[in-house]
C-alpha atoms as a PDB file:
ATOM      1  CA  UNK A   1    -161.965 -20.882-135.505  1.00  0.00           C
ATOM      2  CA  UNK A   2    -160.585 -21.179-138.438  1.00  0.00           C
ATOM      3  CA  UNK A   3    -158.484 -17.914-136.924  1.00  0.00           C
ATOM      4  CA  UNK A   4    -157.506 -20.102-133.681  1.00  0.00           C
ATOM      5  CA  UNK A   5    -156.451 -23.137-135.715  1.00  0.00           C
ATOM      6  CA  UNK A   6    -154.455 -21.617-138.051  1.00  0.00           C
ATOM      7  CA  UNK A   7    -152.737 -19.721-134.806  1.00  0.00           C
ATOM      8  CA  UNK A   8    -152.059 -22.569-133.204  1.00  0.00           C
ATOM      9  CA  UNK A   9    -150.272 -23.996-136.682  1.00  0.00           C
ATOM     10  CA  UNK A  10    -147.939 -21.243-137.153  1.00  0.00           C
ATOM     11  CA  UNK A  11    -146.965 -21.243-133.572  1.00  0.00           C
ATOM     12  CA  UNK A  12    -146.369 -24.938-133.438  1.00  0.00           C
ATOM     13  CA  UNK A  13    -143.792 -24.192-136.632  1.00  0.00           C
ATOM     14  CA  UNK A  14    -142.132 -21.640-135.225  1.00  0.00           C
ATOM     15  CA  UNK A  15    -141.457 -23.891-132.299  1.00  0.00           C
ATOM     16  CA  UNK A  16    -140.420 -26.236-135.184  1.00  0.00           C
ATOM     17  CA  UNK A  17    -138.595 -24.349-136.694  1.00  0.00           C
ATOM     18  CA  UNK A  18    -136.997 -22.530-133.848  1.00  0.00           C
ATOM     19  CA  UNK A  19    -135.867 -25.745-132.383  1.00  0.00           C
ATOM     20  CA  UNK A  20    -134.065 -27.069-135.488  1.00  0.00           C
ATOM     21  CA  UNK A  21    -131.632 -23.203-135.630  1.00  0.00           C
ATOM     22  CA  UNK A  22    -131.177 -24.581-132.510  1.00  0.00           C
ATOM     23  CA  UNK A  23    -129.470 -27.612-134.218  1.00  0.00           C
ATOM     24  CA  UNK A  24    -128.020 -26.171-137.183  1.00  0.00           C
ATOM     25  CA  UNK A  25    -124.691 -25.552-134.778  1.00  0.00           C
ATOM     26  CA  UNK A  26    -124.314 -28.875-134.150  1.00  0.00           C
ATOM     27  CA  UNK A  27    -120.813 -30.966-135.193  1.00  0.00           C
ATOM     28  CA  UNK A  28    -120.991 -33.908-137.373  1.00  0.00           C
ATOM     29  CA  UNK A  29    -119.072 -36.386-136.422  1.00  0.00           C
ATOM     30  CA  UNK A  30    -118.522 -40.216-137.520  1.00  0.00           C
ATOM     31  CA  UNK A  31    -120.752 -42.864-135.514  1.00  0.00           C
ATOM     32  CA  UNK A  32    -119.467 -45.992-135.991  1.00  0.00           C
ATOM     33  CA  UNK A  33    -118.343 -49.298-134.750  1.00  0.00           C
ATOM     34  CA  UNK A  34    -116.689 -51.860-136.410  1.00  0.00           C
ATOM     35  CA  UNK A  35    -118.129 -54.345-134.685  1.00  0.00           C
ATOM     36  CA  UNK A  36    -121.843 -53.212-135.896  1.00  0.00           C
ATOM     37  CA  UNK A  37    -120.542 -51.849-139.625  1.00  0.00           C
ATOM     38  CA  UNK A  38    -117.512 -53.588-140.497  1.00  0.00           C
ATOM     39  CA  UNK A  39    -116.347 -50.928-143.011  1.00  0.00           C
ATOM     40  CA  UNK A  40    -116.702 -48.716-140.318  1.00  0.00           C
ATOM     41  CA  UNK A  41    -112.653 -48.240-140.398  1.00  0.00           C
ATOM     42  CA  UNK A  42    -112.462 -48.684-143.652  1.00  0.00           C
ATOM     43  CA  UNK A  43    -114.807 -45.700-144.828  1.00  0.00           C
ATOM     44  CA  UNK A  44    -115.498 -43.975-142.022  1.00  0.00           C
ATOM     45  CA  UNK A  45    -116.665 -40.749-143.704  1.00  0.00           C
ATOM     46  CA  UNK A  46    -120.185 -42.867-144.880  1.00  0.00           C
ATOM     47  CA  UNK A  47    -121.189 -43.056-141.365  1.00  0.00           C
ATOM     48  CA  UNK A  48    -120.699 -39.238-141.325  1.00  0.00           C
ATOM     49  CA  UNK A  49    -123.684 -37.706-139.145  1.00  0.00           C
ATOM     50  CA  UNK A  50    -125.313 -34.411-137.070  1.00  0.00           C
ATOM     51  CA  UNK A  51    -124.343 -35.149-132.733  1.00  0.00           C
ATOM     52  CA  UNK A  52    -127.411 -34.690-131.351  1.00  0.00           C
ATOM     53  CA  UNK A  53    -127.913 -33.031-127.853  1.00  0.00           C
ATOM     54  CA  UNK A  54    -128.575 -35.270-126.045  1.00  0.00           C
ATOM     55  CA  UNK A  55    -131.619 -36.306-123.966  1.00  0.00           C
ATOM     56  CA  UNK A  56    -131.397 -38.263-120.947  1.00  0.00           C
ATOM     57  CA  UNK A  57    -128.950 -38.634-118.904  1.00  0.00           C
ATOM     58  CA  UNK A  58    -126.183 -36.522-117.113  1.00  0.00           C
ATOM     59  CA  UNK A  59    -125.365 -35.303-119.725  1.00  0.00           C
ATOM     60  CA  UNK A  60    -128.883 -34.262-121.059  1.00  0.00           C
ATOM     61  CA  UNK A  61    -128.935 -31.073-123.006  1.00  0.00           C
ATOM     62  CA  UNK A  62    -125.105 -31.210-123.092  1.00  0.00           C
ATOM     63  CA  UNK A  63    -124.487 -31.194-127.259  1.00  0.00           C
ATOM     64  CA  UNK A  64    -121.663 -32.656-128.648  1.00  0.00           C
ATOM     65  CA  UNK A  65    -118.127 -30.523-128.024  1.00  0.00           C
ATOM     66  CA  UNK A  66    -116.301 -32.279-130.406  1.00  0.00           C
ATOM     67  CA  UNK A  67    -115.745 -36.393-132.410  1.00  0.00           C
ATOM     68  CA  UNK A  68    -113.827 -39.143-130.084  1.00  0.00           C
ATOM     69  CA  UNK A  69    -112.136 -42.007-131.799  1.00  0.00           C
ATOM     70  CA  UNK A  70    -111.799 -45.610-129.126  1.00  0.00           C
ATOM     71  CA  UNK A  71    -109.555 -48.372-130.213  1.00  0.00           C
ATOM     72  CA  UNK A  72    -110.789 -50.957-127.195  1.00  0.00           C
ATOM     73  CA  UNK A  73    -108.674 -54.136-127.358  1.00  0.00           C
ATOM     74  CA  UNK A  74    -110.892 -57.297-125.417  1.00  0.00           C
ATOM     75  CA  UNK A  75    -108.475 -59.928-125.824  1.00  0.00           C
ATOM     76  CA  UNK A  76    -107.215 -60.203-129.831  1.00  0.00           C
ATOM     77  CA  UNK A  77    -110.177 -58.811-129.809  1.00  0.00           C
ATOM     78  CA  UNK A  78    -109.776 -54.630-131.459  1.00  0.00           C
ATOM     79  CA  UNK A  79    -112.666 -52.744-132.428  1.00  0.00           C
ATOM     80  CA  UNK A  80    -112.569 -49.159-133.311  1.00  0.00           C
ATOM     81  CA  UNK A  81    -115.592 -46.898-132.098  1.00  0.00           C
ATOM     82  CA  UNK A  82    -116.298 -43.306-133.669  1.00  0.00           C
ATOM     83  CA  UNK A  83    -118.513 -40.911-131.982  1.00  0.00           C
ATOM     84  CA  UNK A  84    -119.353 -37.941-130.828  1.00  0.00           C
ATOM     85  CA  UNK A  85    -118.339 -36.335-127.425  1.00  0.00           C
ATOM     86  CA  UNK A  86    -119.702 -34.379-124.791  1.00  0.00           C
ATOM     87  CA  UNK A  87    -117.232 -33.569-123.171  1.00  0.00           C
ATOM     88  CA  UNK A  88    -113.706 -31.858-123.093  1.00  0.00           C
ATOM     89  CA  UNK A  89    -110.557 -32.934-122.274  1.00  0.00           C
ATOM     90  CA  UNK A  90    -106.846 -33.662-124.030  1.00  0.00           C
ATOM     91  CA  UNK A  91    -107.306 -37.450-125.101  1.00  0.00           C
ATOM     92  CA  UNK A  92    -105.383 -37.886-127.343  1.00  0.00           C
ATOM     93  CA  UNK A  93    -103.944 -41.073-126.954  1.00  0.00           C
ATOM     94  CA  UNK A  94    -105.495 -41.805-123.439  1.00  0.00           C
ATOM     95  CA  UNK A  95    -105.215 -45.285-122.320  1.00  0.00           C
ATOM     96  CA  UNK A  96    -107.430 -46.871-120.317  1.00  0.00           C
ATOM     97  CA  UNK A  97    -107.388 -50.297-118.670  1.00  0.00           C
ATOM     98  CA  UNK A  98    -110.029 -52.228-117.724  1.00  0.00           C
ATOM     99  CA  UNK A  99    -110.619 -56.366-116.091  1.00  0.00           C
ATOM    100  CA  UNK A 100    -109.821 -59.299-118.311  1.00  0.00           C
ATOM    101  CA  UNK A 101    -107.316 -57.613-120.303  1.00  0.00           C
ATOM    102  CA  UNK A 102    -109.977 -54.739-121.629  1.00  0.00           C
ATOM    103  CA  UNK A 103    -107.600 -52.109-123.357  1.00  0.00           C
ATOM    104  CA  UNK A 104    -109.340 -48.623-124.465  1.00  0.00           C
ATOM    105  CA  UNK A 105    -106.756 -45.492-126.194  1.00  0.00           C
ATOM    106  CA  UNK A 106    -109.214 -42.363-126.209  1.00  0.00           C
ATOM    107  CA  UNK A 107    -107.904 -40.096-129.373  1.00  0.00           C
ATOM    108  CA  UNK A 108    -110.187 -36.859-129.731  1.00  0.00           C
ATOM    109  CA  UNK A 109    -110.774 -33.712-132.023  1.00  0.00           C
ATOM    110  CA  UNK A 110    -112.645 -30.989-132.751  1.00  0.00           C
ATOM    111  CA  UNK A 111    -113.766 -30.483-135.943  1.00  0.00           C
ATOM    112  CA  UNK A 112    -113.122 -27.255-137.992  1.00  0.00           C
ATOM    113  CA  UNK A 113    -116.172 -26.467-138.859  1.00  0.00           C
ATOM    114  CA  UNK A 114    -119.967 -27.834-138.121  1.00  0.00           C
ATOM    115  CA  UNK A 115    -120.443 -29.968-140.665  1.00  0.00           C
ATOM    116  CA  UNK A 116    -117.358 -32.159-141.099  1.00  0.00           C
ATOM    117  CA  UNK A 117    -116.320 -34.826-138.986  1.00  0.00           C
ATOM    118  CA  UNK A 118    -112.790 -34.697-138.254  1.00  0.00           C
ATOM    119  CA  UNK A 119    -112.395 -38.286-136.739  1.00  0.00           C
ATOM    120  CA  UNK A 120    -112.572 -40.576-140.108  1.00  0.00           C
ATOM    121  CA  UNK A 121    -109.333 -41.178-141.338  1.00  0.00           C
ATOM    122  CA  UNK A 122    -108.005 -38.421-142.595  1.00  0.00           C
ATOM    123  CA  UNK A 123    -109.402 -36.449-138.651  1.00  0.00           C
ATOM    124  CA  UNK A 124    -107.357 -38.489-136.002  1.00  0.00           C
ATOM    125  CA  UNK A 125    -103.833 -39.086-137.986  1.00  0.00           C
ATOM    126  CA  UNK A 126    -104.418 -42.897-139.054  1.00  0.00           C
ATOM    127  CA  UNK A 127    -100.241 -43.135-138.357  1.00  0.00           C
ATOM    128  CA  UNK A 128    -100.668 -42.603-135.017  1.00  0.00           C
ATOM    129  CA  UNK A 129    -103.505 -44.604-134.043  1.00  0.00           C
ATOM    130  CA  UNK A 130    -102.389 -47.532-136.123  1.00  0.00           C
ATOM    131  CA  UNK A 131     -98.863 -47.062-134.297  1.00  0.00           C
ATOM    132  CA  UNK A 132    -100.434 -47.296-131.205  1.00  0.00           C
ATOM    133  CA  UNK A 133    -102.459 -50.317-131.999  1.00  0.00           C
ATOM    134  CA  UNK A 134     -99.161 -51.859-132.949  1.00  0.00           C
ATOM    135  CA  UNK A 135     -97.486 -51.187-130.011  1.00  0.00           C
ATOM    136  CA  UNK A 136    -100.958 -52.112-128.305  1.00  0.00           C
ATOM    137  CA  UNK A 137    -100.376 -55.769-129.565  1.00  0.00           C
ATOM    138  CA  UNK A 138     -96.558 -56.428-128.707  1.00  0.00           C
ATOM    139  CA  UNK A 139     -97.500 -55.503-124.831  1.00  0.00           C
ATOM    140  CA  UNK A 140    -100.198 -57.320-124.712  1.00  0.00           C
END
Protein backbone atom coordinates (compact mmCIF):
# COMPACT_ATOMS: atom_id res chain seq x y z
CA UNK A 1 0.00 0.00 0.00
CA UNK A 2 2.82 2.40 0.89
CA UNK A 3 4.50 1.71 -2.45
CA UNK A 4 1.28 2.59 -4.29
CA UNK A 5 0.98 5.89 -2.41
CA UNK A 6 4.65 6.70 -3.09
CA UNK A 7 4.25 5.84 -6.78
CA UNK A 8 1.18 8.09 -7.07
CA UNK A 9 3.00 10.93 -5.29
CA UNK A 10 5.99 10.51 -7.62
CA UNK A 11 3.71 10.62 -10.69
CA UNK A 12 1.96 13.71 -9.38
CA UNK A 13 5.31 15.43 -8.69
CA UNK A 14 6.53 14.60 -12.22
CA UNK A 15 3.32 15.96 -13.73
CA UNK A 16 3.66 19.19 -11.75
CA UNK A 17 7.32 19.53 -12.70
CA UNK A 18 6.49 18.99 -16.38
CA UNK A 19 3.72 21.62 -16.21
CA UNK A 20 6.13 24.10 -14.63
CA UNK A 21 8.75 23.41 -17.29
CA UNK A 22 6.24 24.19 -20.02
CA UNK A 23 5.77 27.64 -18.47
CA UNK A 24 9.51 28.09 -17.88
CA UNK A 25 9.81 29.76 -21.29
CA UNK A 26 6.83 32.04 -20.72
CA UNK A 27 7.58 35.66 -21.43
CA UNK A 28 7.37 38.37 -18.79
CA UNK A 29 5.49 41.61 -19.40
CA UNK A 30 4.52 44.60 -17.33
CA UNK A 31 0.89 44.03 -16.29
CA UNK A 32 -0.90 47.03 -14.80
CA UNK A 33 -3.36 49.84 -15.45
CA UNK A 34 -3.10 53.45 -14.30
CA UNK A 35 -6.78 53.22 -13.44
CA UNK A 36 -5.97 50.63 -10.74
CA UNK A 37 -2.26 51.07 -10.00
CA UNK A 38 -1.80 54.84 -10.09
CA UNK A 39 2.00 54.56 -10.37
CA UNK A 40 1.83 52.13 -13.31
CA UNK A 41 3.03 54.77 -15.78
CA UNK A 42 5.74 56.13 -13.44
CA UNK A 43 7.36 52.84 -12.35
CA UNK A 44 5.92 50.20 -14.68
CA UNK A 45 8.77 47.74 -14.13
CA UNK A 46 7.44 47.21 -10.58
CA UNK A 47 4.54 45.35 -12.21
CA UNK A 48 6.55 42.91 -14.34
CA UNK A 49 5.37 39.32 -14.08
CA UNK A 50 5.18 36.09 -16.04
CA UNK A 51 2.42 35.89 -18.64
CA UNK A 52 0.18 32.94 -17.95
CA UNK A 53 -1.24 30.62 -20.57
CA UNK A 54 -4.89 31.46 -21.21
CA UNK A 55 -7.26 28.99 -19.53
CA UNK A 56 -10.51 29.92 -21.28
CA UNK A 57 -12.03 31.78 -24.19
CA UNK A 58 -11.34 31.64 -27.89
CA UNK A 59 -7.57 31.58 -27.30
CA UNK A 60 -7.71 28.87 -24.61
CA UNK A 61 -4.30 27.24 -24.20
CA UNK A 62 -2.46 30.08 -25.95
CA UNK A 63 0.78 31.42 -24.50
CA UNK A 64 1.65 35.11 -24.73
CA UNK A 65 3.66 36.05 -27.81
CA UNK A 66 4.41 39.69 -27.00
CA UNK A 67 3.82 42.54 -24.57
CA UNK A 68 1.39 45.38 -25.18
CA UNK A 69 0.84 48.95 -24.05
CA UNK A 70 -2.50 50.64 -24.68
CA UNK A 71 -3.17 54.34 -24.25
CA UNK A 72 -6.93 54.71 -23.78
CA UNK A 73 -8.62 58.08 -23.94
CA UNK A 74 -12.24 58.41 -22.86
CA UNK A 75 -13.30 62.04 -22.92
CA UNK A 76 -10.70 63.93 -20.88
CA UNK A 77 -9.48 60.84 -19.00
CA UNK A 78 -6.39 58.97 -20.21
CA UNK A 79 -5.54 55.49 -18.95
CA UNK A 80 -2.39 53.49 -19.71
CA UNK A 81 -2.80 49.71 -19.76
CA UNK A 82 0.18 47.34 -19.95
CA UNK A 83 -0.51 43.65 -20.56
CA UNK A 84 0.50 40.39 -22.17
CA UNK A 85 -0.40 40.01 -25.86
CA UNK A 86 -1.68 36.68 -27.13
CA UNK A 87 -1.89 37.58 -30.82
CA UNK A 88 0.95 38.80 -33.02
CA UNK A 89 0.86 41.68 -35.41
CA UNK A 90 2.26 45.08 -36.24
CA UNK A 91 0.25 47.42 -34.05
CA UNK A 92 2.83 50.09 -33.25
CA UNK A 93 0.69 53.19 -32.70
CA UNK A 94 -2.41 51.59 -34.22
CA UNK A 95 -5.42 53.79 -33.50
CA UNK A 96 -8.84 52.34 -32.76
CA UNK A 97 -11.92 54.40 -32.04
CA UNK A 98 -15.14 53.55 -30.32
CA UNK A 99 -18.40 55.19 -29.37
CA UNK A 100 -18.66 58.32 -27.22
CA UNK A 101 -15.18 59.67 -27.83
CA UNK A 102 -13.21 56.53 -26.98
CA UNK A 103 -9.78 56.38 -28.64
CA UNK A 104 -7.18 53.66 -28.10
CA UNK A 105 -3.56 53.56 -29.26
CA UNK A 106 -1.92 50.11 -29.32
CA UNK A 107 1.82 49.43 -29.07
CA UNK A 108 3.23 45.91 -29.10
CA UNK A 109 6.73 44.54 -28.66
CA UNK A 110 8.49 41.19 -28.38
CA UNK A 111 10.87 40.85 -25.42
CA UNK A 112 14.53 40.23 -26.29
CA UNK A 113 14.62 37.62 -23.52
CA UNK A 114 11.73 35.87 -21.83
CA UNK A 115 12.43 37.36 -18.39
CA UNK A 116 12.81 41.02 -19.46
CA UNK A 117 9.57 42.86 -20.26
CA UNK A 118 9.63 45.22 -23.22
CA UNK A 119 6.45 47.20 -22.42
CA UNK A 120 7.94 49.27 -19.61
CA UNK A 121 9.23 52.82 -20.05
CA UNK A 122 12.46 51.62 -21.66
CA UNK A 123 10.86 48.99 -23.93
CA UNK A 124 8.37 51.08 -25.85
CA UNK A 125 9.56 54.48 -26.88
CA UNK A 126 8.36 56.81 -24.15
CA UNK A 127 8.96 59.76 -26.46
CA UNK A 128 6.76 58.22 -29.17
CA UNK A 129 3.97 57.39 -26.73
CA UNK A 130 4.10 60.88 -25.22
CA UNK A 131 4.03 62.49 -28.65
CA UNK A 132 0.96 60.46 -29.66
CA UNK A 133 -0.80 61.36 -26.41
CA UNK A 134 -0.09 65.09 -26.88
CA UNK A 135 -1.20 65.04 -30.53
CA UNK A 136 -4.36 63.12 -29.59
CA UNK A 137 -5.19 65.73 -26.94
CA UNK A 138 -4.97 68.58 -29.48
CA UNK A 139 -7.06 66.84 -32.14
CA UNK A 140 -9.79 65.41 -29.90
